[in-house]
């Protein structure tokens, strides 16, 4: 699985430069199509002169941001658009470890099951295959 930066074809110019770099997403490509995608990138981590660890420099070109949308492929492989130097700015220091910790905490918080939610267990080989349990 390779996660790539991706831009819609409508967001590149005739020189294959990204017009609006804040409209870039992370995607997973499978079979020449978008299989999965995130929301738009965060400029503080992707377009930041002060933080080079995850700076976006090139993007795969997709026909549109939809699951199943085709990406541009030519004889040599994927077709990329470039992010122009004027697209980068000074956003200051980024504490990537803290951002990652915050993201994990939010995912855990959203995935918690309410104590009143009924969860059905998987059927077993015993005679009591339809057992409901409370989380």
N, C-alpha and C. Protein backbone atom coordinates (compact mmCIF):
# COMPACT_ATOMS: atom_id res chain seq x y z
N UNK A 1 0.85 -1.18 0.00
CA UNK A 1 0.00 0.00 0.00
C UNK A 1 0.89 1.24 0.00
N UNK A 2 0.69 2.10 -0.96
CA UNK A 2 1.44 3.35 -1.02
C UNK A 2 0.44 4.50 -0.95
N UNK A 3 0.65 5.38 0.01
CA UNK A 3 -0.18 6.57 0.13
C UNK A 3 0.50 7.67 -0.67
N UNK A 4 -0.27 8.31 -1.52
CA UNK A 4 0.27 9.36 -2.38
C UNK A 4 -0.50 10.66 -2.21
N UNK A 5 0.20 11.77 -2.45
CA UNK A 5 -0.48 13.04 -2.54
C UNK A 5 -1.17 13.07 -3.90
N UNK A 6 -2.37 13.64 -3.93
CA UNK A 6 -3.16 13.61 -5.16
C UNK A 6 -3.87 14.95 -5.36
N UNK A 7 -4.02 15.33 -6.61
CA UNK A 7 -4.70 16.56 -6.98
C UNK A 7 -5.69 16.25 -8.11
N UNK A 8 -6.81 16.96 -8.11
CA UNK A 8 -7.77 16.79 -9.20
C UNK A 8 -7.24 17.45 -10.47
N UNK A 9 -7.58 16.86 -11.58
CA UNK A 9 -7.13 17.38 -12.88
C UNK A 9 -7.56 18.83 -13.10
N UNK A 10 -8.71 19.21 -12.56
CA UNK A 10 -9.21 20.59 -12.71
C UNK A 10 -8.39 21.59 -11.90
N UNK A 11 -7.49 21.11 -11.03
CA UNK A 11 -6.67 21.97 -10.18
C UNK A 11 -5.21 22.03 -10.63
N UNK A 12 -4.95 21.74 -11.89
CA UNK A 12 -3.60 21.90 -12.42
C UNK A 12 -3.66 22.79 -13.66
N UNK A 13 -2.56 23.47 -13.92
CA UNK A 13 -2.52 24.33 -15.11
C UNK A 13 -1.88 23.60 -16.29
N UNK A 14 -1.72 24.30 -17.39
CA UNK A 14 -1.19 23.69 -18.62
C UNK A 14 0.26 23.23 -18.49
N UNK A 15 0.97 23.72 -17.46
CA UNK A 15 2.35 23.32 -17.22
C UNK A 15 2.47 22.23 -16.15
N UNK A 16 1.36 21.65 -15.79
CA UNK A 16 1.30 20.60 -14.77
C UNK A 16 1.76 21.11 -13.40
N UNK A 17 1.36 22.34 -13.09
CA UNK A 17 1.59 22.90 -11.76
C UNK A 17 0.26 22.95 -11.02
N UNK A 18 0.29 22.66 -9.72
CA UNK A 18 -0.92 22.71 -8.91
C UNK A 18 -1.34 24.17 -8.73
N UNK A 19 -2.60 24.46 -9.01
CA UNK A 19 -3.12 25.83 -8.91
C UNK A 19 -3.38 26.19 -7.44
N UNK A 20 -4.14 25.37 -6.72
CA UNK A 20 -4.46 25.61 -5.32
C UNK A 20 -3.94 24.44 -4.49
N UNK A 21 -2.77 24.58 -3.88
CA UNK A 21 -2.16 23.46 -3.15
C UNK A 21 -2.91 23.06 -1.88
N UNK A 22 -3.83 23.88 -1.40
CA UNK A 22 -4.61 23.49 -0.22
C UNK A 22 -5.69 22.47 -0.59
N UNK A 23 -5.85 22.20 -1.88
CA UNK A 23 -6.86 21.24 -2.38
C UNK A 23 -6.18 19.94 -2.83
N UNK A 24 -5.24 19.49 -2.02
CA UNK A 24 -4.53 18.22 -2.25
C UNK A 24 -4.98 17.25 -1.16
N UNK A 25 -5.11 15.98 -1.52
CA UNK A 25 -5.50 14.95 -0.56
C UNK A 25 -4.50 13.80 -0.59
N UNK A 26 -4.52 12.99 0.45
CA UNK A 26 -3.80 11.73 0.46
C UNK A 26 -4.74 10.67 -0.12
N UNK A 27 -4.23 9.84 -1.01
CA UNK A 27 -5.04 8.77 -1.59
C UNK A 27 -4.25 7.47 -1.61
N UNK A 28 -4.99 6.38 -1.71
CA UNK A 28 -4.41 5.07 -1.99
C UNK A 28 -4.96 4.68 -3.35
N UNK A 29 -4.05 4.28 -4.23
CA UNK A 29 -4.43 3.93 -5.60
C UNK A 29 -4.32 2.42 -5.77
N UNK A 30 -5.31 1.84 -6.39
CA UNK A 30 -5.31 0.42 -6.69
C UNK A 30 -5.91 0.23 -8.07
N UNK A 31 -5.19 -0.45 -8.96
CA UNK A 31 -5.70 -0.68 -10.30
C UNK A 31 -5.93 0.59 -11.09
N UNK A 32 -5.13 1.62 -10.83
CA UNK A 32 -5.26 2.87 -11.57
C UNK A 32 -6.42 3.74 -11.13
N UNK A 33 -7.00 3.43 -9.97
CA UNK A 33 -8.16 4.19 -9.46
C UNK A 33 -7.96 4.52 -7.99
N UNK A 34 -8.64 5.57 -7.54
CA UNK A 34 -8.60 5.93 -6.13
C UNK A 34 -9.38 4.87 -5.35
N UNK A 35 -8.69 4.26 -4.41
CA UNK A 35 -9.29 3.22 -3.58
C UNK A 35 -9.73 3.77 -2.24
N UNK A 36 -9.00 4.77 -1.73
CA UNK A 36 -9.28 5.38 -0.44
C UNK A 36 -8.69 6.78 -0.45
N UNK A 37 -9.28 7.69 0.33
CA UNK A 37 -8.71 9.04 0.39
C UNK A 37 -9.05 9.72 1.71
N UNK A 38 -8.23 10.70 2.03
CA UNK A 38 -8.39 11.48 3.26
C UNK A 38 -9.06 12.81 2.92
N UNK A 39 -9.09 13.67 3.93
CA UNK A 39 -9.52 15.05 3.70
C UNK A 39 -8.37 15.83 3.11
N UNK A 40 -8.54 17.13 2.96
CA UNK A 40 -7.50 17.98 2.39
C UNK A 40 -6.30 18.08 3.34
N UNK A 41 -5.13 18.29 2.77
CA UNK A 41 -3.90 18.39 3.55
C UNK A 41 -3.93 19.59 4.48
N UNK A 42 -3.08 19.55 5.49
CA UNK A 42 -2.90 20.65 6.42
C UNK A 42 -1.70 21.46 5.94
N UNK A 43 -1.91 22.73 5.57
CA UNK A 43 -0.78 23.54 5.09
C UNK A 43 0.37 23.63 6.09
N UNK A 44 0.09 23.61 7.38
CA UNK A 44 1.15 23.74 8.39
C UNK A 44 2.14 22.59 8.34
N UNK A 45 1.71 21.43 7.86
CA UNK A 45 2.63 20.31 7.78
C UNK A 45 3.04 19.99 6.34
N UNK A 46 2.28 20.42 5.36
CA UNK A 46 2.55 20.04 3.98
C UNK A 46 3.09 21.17 3.10
N UNK A 47 2.83 22.41 3.48
CA UNK A 47 3.27 23.56 2.67
C UNK A 47 4.14 24.50 3.50
N UNK A 48 4.79 23.96 4.49
CA UNK A 48 5.50 24.75 5.48
C UNK A 48 7.01 24.73 5.22
N UNK A 49 7.57 25.89 4.95
CA UNK A 49 9.01 26.03 4.75
C UNK A 49 9.75 25.66 6.03
N UNK A 50 9.12 25.86 7.17
CA UNK A 50 9.74 25.59 8.47
C UNK A 50 9.64 24.12 8.89
N UNK A 51 8.96 23.30 8.10
CA UNK A 51 8.79 21.88 8.44
C UNK A 51 8.87 21.08 7.15
N UNK A 52 10.03 20.52 6.90
CA UNK A 52 10.26 19.86 5.62
C UNK A 52 9.99 18.35 5.62
N UNK A 53 9.66 17.77 6.76
CA UNK A 53 9.54 16.31 6.85
C UNK A 53 8.38 15.73 6.04
N UNK A 54 7.34 16.50 5.82
CA UNK A 54 6.20 15.96 5.07
C UNK A 54 5.72 16.95 4.00
N UNK A 55 6.63 17.72 3.50
CA UNK A 55 6.28 18.72 2.49
C UNK A 55 5.83 18.04 1.20
N UNK A 56 4.74 18.50 0.64
CA UNK A 56 4.24 17.96 -0.62
C UNK A 56 4.97 18.67 -1.77
N UNK A 57 5.52 17.91 -2.69
CA UNK A 57 6.23 18.49 -3.82
C UNK A 57 5.62 18.07 -5.15
N UNK A 58 5.04 16.87 -5.17
CA UNK A 58 4.40 16.40 -6.40
C UNK A 58 3.16 15.61 -6.04
N UNK A 59 2.21 15.56 -6.97
CA UNK A 59 0.93 14.90 -6.73
C UNK A 59 0.52 14.07 -7.93
N UNK A 60 -0.03 12.92 -7.68
CA UNK A 60 -0.67 12.13 -8.72
C UNK A 60 -1.91 12.92 -9.17
N UNK A 61 -2.21 12.85 -10.44
CA UNK A 61 -3.37 13.57 -10.98
C UNK A 61 -4.55 12.60 -11.12
N UNK A 62 -5.68 12.96 -10.53
CA UNK A 62 -6.91 12.17 -10.63
C UNK A 62 -7.95 12.96 -11.41
N UNK A 63 -8.85 12.25 -12.08
CA UNK A 63 -9.90 12.93 -12.81
C UNK A 63 -10.79 13.74 -11.85
N UNK A 64 -11.05 13.19 -10.66
CA UNK A 64 -11.81 13.88 -9.61
C UNK A 64 -11.60 13.15 -8.30
N UNK A 65 -11.98 13.79 -7.20
CA UNK A 65 -11.85 13.18 -5.88
C UNK A 65 -13.10 12.37 -5.57
N UNK A 66 -13.11 11.13 -6.04
CA UNK A 66 -14.16 10.18 -5.74
C UNK A 66 -13.54 8.79 -5.68
N UNK A 67 -14.07 7.96 -4.80
CA UNK A 67 -13.62 6.58 -4.76
C UNK A 67 -13.93 5.95 -6.12
N UNK A 68 -12.95 5.31 -6.72
CA UNK A 68 -13.12 4.70 -8.04
C UNK A 68 -12.71 5.59 -9.19
N UNK A 69 -12.42 6.86 -8.93
CA UNK A 69 -12.00 7.77 -10.00
C UNK A 69 -10.64 7.34 -10.55
N UNK A 70 -10.46 7.48 -11.84
CA UNK A 70 -9.19 7.10 -12.47
C UNK A 70 -8.11 8.14 -12.20
N UNK A 71 -6.88 7.66 -12.11
CA UNK A 71 -5.73 8.54 -12.04
C UNK A 71 -5.05 8.49 -13.40
N UNK A 72 -4.31 9.55 -13.73
CA UNK A 72 -3.64 9.60 -15.03
C UNK A 72 -2.42 8.67 -15.03
N UNK A 73 -2.39 7.81 -16.02
CA UNK A 73 -1.27 6.89 -16.20
C UNK A 73 -0.86 6.94 -17.67
N UNK A 74 0.44 7.04 -17.89
CA UNK A 74 0.99 6.99 -19.25
C UNK A 74 1.96 5.82 -19.34
N UNK A 75 2.65 5.68 -20.44
CA UNK A 75 3.56 4.55 -20.65
C UNK A 75 4.59 4.39 -19.53
N UNK A 76 5.07 5.50 -18.97
CA UNK A 76 6.10 5.44 -17.93
C UNK A 76 5.53 5.33 -16.52
N UNK A 77 4.22 5.27 -16.39
CA UNK A 77 3.60 5.14 -15.07
C UNK A 77 2.69 6.31 -14.73
N UNK A 78 2.55 6.57 -13.44
CA UNK A 78 1.66 7.63 -12.96
C UNK A 78 2.12 9.00 -13.48
N UNK A 79 1.15 9.88 -13.70
CA UNK A 79 1.44 11.25 -14.15
C UNK A 79 1.31 12.17 -12.93
N UNK A 80 2.31 13.02 -12.74
CA UNK A 80 2.36 13.90 -11.58
C UNK A 80 2.27 15.36 -11.97
N UNK A 81 1.70 16.15 -11.06
CA UNK A 81 1.75 17.62 -11.13
C UNK A 81 2.68 18.07 -10.02
N UNK A 82 3.32 19.20 -10.22
CA UNK A 82 4.27 19.73 -9.23
C UNK A 82 3.66 20.89 -8.45
N UNK A 83 4.10 21.04 -7.21
CA UNK A 83 3.71 22.18 -6.39
C UNK A 83 4.77 23.25 -6.57
N UNK A 84 4.37 24.43 -7.02
CA UNK A 84 5.31 25.53 -7.27
C UNK A 84 5.89 26.10 -5.99
N UNK A 85 7.09 26.64 -6.09
CA UNK A 85 7.80 27.20 -4.93
C UNK A 85 7.00 28.30 -4.22
N UNK A 86 6.19 29.05 -4.98
CA UNK A 86 5.42 30.13 -4.37
C UNK A 86 4.27 29.62 -3.50
N UNK A 87 4.03 28.32 -3.52
CA UNK A 87 2.94 27.74 -2.73
C UNK A 87 3.31 27.52 -1.27
N UNK A 88 4.58 27.60 -0.94
CA UNK A 88 5.05 27.33 0.40
C UNK A 88 5.13 28.61 1.21
N UNK A 89 4.91 28.48 2.52
CA UNK A 89 4.98 29.63 3.41
C UNK A 89 5.58 29.25 4.73
N UNK A 90 5.76 30.26 5.59
CA UNK A 90 6.27 30.04 6.94
C UNK A 90 5.10 29.88 7.89
N UNK A 91 4.90 28.66 8.36
CA UNK A 91 3.82 28.36 9.30
C UNK A 91 4.35 28.09 10.69
N UNK A 92 5.66 28.10 10.85
CA UNK A 92 6.27 27.86 12.16
C UNK A 92 6.53 26.39 12.44
N UNK A 93 7.03 26.16 13.64
CA UNK A 93 7.40 24.81 14.08
C UNK A 93 6.16 23.93 14.20
N UNK A 94 6.30 22.66 13.84
CA UNK A 94 5.23 21.68 13.95
C UNK A 94 5.70 20.56 14.87
N UNK A 95 4.90 20.31 15.92
CA UNK A 95 5.19 19.19 16.82
C UNK A 95 4.41 18.00 16.29
N UNK A 96 5.04 17.25 15.38
CA UNK A 96 4.36 16.15 14.70
C UNK A 96 3.97 15.04 15.68
N UNK A 97 4.81 14.79 16.67
CA UNK A 97 4.50 13.75 17.66
C UNK A 97 3.23 14.11 18.42
N UNK A 98 3.10 15.37 18.81
CA UNK A 98 1.90 15.79 19.53
C UNK A 98 0.68 15.72 18.62
N UNK A 99 0.82 16.10 17.36
CA UNK A 99 -0.29 16.00 16.41
C UNK A 99 -0.74 14.56 16.24
N UNK A 100 0.21 13.65 16.14
CA UNK A 100 -0.11 12.23 15.99
C UNK A 100 -0.82 11.70 17.24
N UNK A 101 -0.33 12.08 18.40
CA UNK A 101 -0.96 11.67 19.66
C UNK A 101 -2.39 12.20 19.74
N UNK A 102 -2.60 13.46 19.39
CA UNK A 102 -3.94 14.05 19.41
C UNK A 102 -4.87 13.32 18.44
N UNK A 103 -4.36 12.98 17.26
CA UNK A 103 -5.18 12.29 16.27
C UNK A 103 -5.58 10.91 16.79
N UNK A 104 -4.66 10.18 17.37
CA UNK A 104 -4.95 8.84 17.90
C UNK A 104 -5.99 8.94 19.02
N UNK A 105 -5.84 9.95 19.88
CA UNK A 105 -6.81 10.14 20.97
C UNK A 105 -8.21 10.42 20.42
N UNK A 106 -8.30 11.23 19.38
CA UNK A 106 -9.61 11.54 18.78
C UNK A 106 -10.24 10.30 18.15
N UNK A 107 -9.43 9.49 17.48
CA UNK A 107 -9.95 8.26 16.87
C UNK A 107 -10.46 7.33 17.96
N UNK A 108 -9.70 7.18 19.04
CA UNK A 108 -10.13 6.33 20.16
C UNK A 108 -11.43 6.85 20.76
N UNK A 109 -11.52 8.15 20.94
CA UNK A 109 -12.71 8.76 21.52
C UNK A 109 -13.95 8.51 20.65
N UNK A 110 -13.80 8.65 19.34
CA UNK A 110 -14.92 8.44 18.43
C UNK A 110 -15.32 6.98 18.33
N UNK A 111 -14.40 6.07 18.61
CA UNK A 111 -14.71 4.65 18.45
C UNK A 111 -15.21 4.00 19.74
N UNK A 112 -15.29 4.75 20.82
CA UNK A 112 -15.79 4.18 22.07
C UNK A 112 -17.26 3.80 21.90
N UNK A 113 -17.62 2.67 22.47
CA UNK A 113 -19.00 2.22 22.42
C UNK A 113 -19.71 2.65 23.69
N UNK A 114 -20.89 3.17 23.54
CA UNK A 114 -21.69 3.60 24.67
C UNK A 114 -21.99 2.40 25.58
N UNK A 115 -22.01 2.58 26.90
CA UNK A 115 -22.30 1.47 27.81
C UNK A 115 -23.69 0.87 27.60
N UNK A 116 -24.60 1.59 26.97
CA UNK A 116 -25.95 1.08 26.75
C UNK A 116 -26.12 0.44 25.38
N UNK A 117 -25.06 0.41 24.58
CA UNK A 117 -25.14 -0.17 23.24
C UNK A 117 -25.09 -1.69 23.33
N UNK A 118 -26.01 -2.35 22.64
CA UNK A 118 -26.05 -3.81 22.61
C UNK A 118 -25.14 -4.31 21.49
N UNK A 119 -24.29 -5.27 21.81
CA UNK A 119 -23.38 -5.85 20.83
C UNK A 119 -23.68 -7.34 20.74
N UNK A 120 -23.90 -7.85 19.54
CA UNK A 120 -24.16 -9.27 19.36
C UNK A 120 -22.85 -9.99 19.11
N UNK A 121 -22.62 -11.05 19.86
CA UNK A 121 -21.38 -11.79 19.69
C UNK A 121 -21.48 -12.71 18.49
N UNK A 122 -20.36 -13.17 18.02
CA UNK A 122 -20.32 -14.10 16.88
C UNK A 122 -20.88 -15.43 17.31
N UNK A 123 -21.61 -16.11 16.42
CA UNK A 123 -22.15 -17.43 16.76
C UNK A 123 -21.03 -18.41 17.10
N UNK A 124 -21.30 -19.25 18.07
CA UNK A 124 -20.33 -20.28 18.44
C UNK A 124 -20.88 -21.63 18.02
N UNK A 125 -20.13 -22.67 18.30
CA UNK A 125 -20.56 -24.02 17.95
C UNK A 125 -21.48 -24.63 18.99
N UNK A 126 -21.71 -23.92 20.09
CA UNK A 126 -22.57 -24.45 21.14
C UNK A 126 -24.04 -24.23 20.79
N UNK A 127 -24.92 -24.70 21.65
CA UNK A 127 -26.35 -24.55 21.42
C UNK A 127 -26.82 -23.13 21.67
N UNK A 128 -26.03 -22.29 22.34
CA UNK A 128 -26.41 -20.91 22.64
C UNK A 128 -25.76 -19.96 21.65
N UNK A 129 -26.08 -20.07 20.39
CA UNK A 129 -25.43 -19.28 19.34
C UNK A 129 -25.93 -17.85 19.30
N UNK A 130 -27.10 -17.56 19.85
CA UNK A 130 -27.65 -16.20 19.77
C UNK A 130 -27.56 -15.54 21.13
N UNK A 131 -26.39 -15.23 21.56
CA UNK A 131 -26.16 -14.60 22.86
C UNK A 131 -25.89 -13.12 22.66
N UNK A 132 -26.68 -12.27 23.32
CA UNK A 132 -26.44 -10.83 23.30
C UNK A 132 -25.63 -10.48 24.53
N UNK A 133 -24.67 -9.58 24.34
CA UNK A 133 -23.87 -9.12 25.47
C UNK A 133 -23.92 -7.62 25.52
N UNK A 134 -23.74 -7.08 26.67
CA UNK A 134 -23.68 -5.62 26.86
C UNK A 134 -22.21 -5.22 26.94
N UNK A 135 -21.87 -4.14 26.24
CA UNK A 135 -20.48 -3.68 26.27
C UNK A 135 -20.21 -2.93 27.53
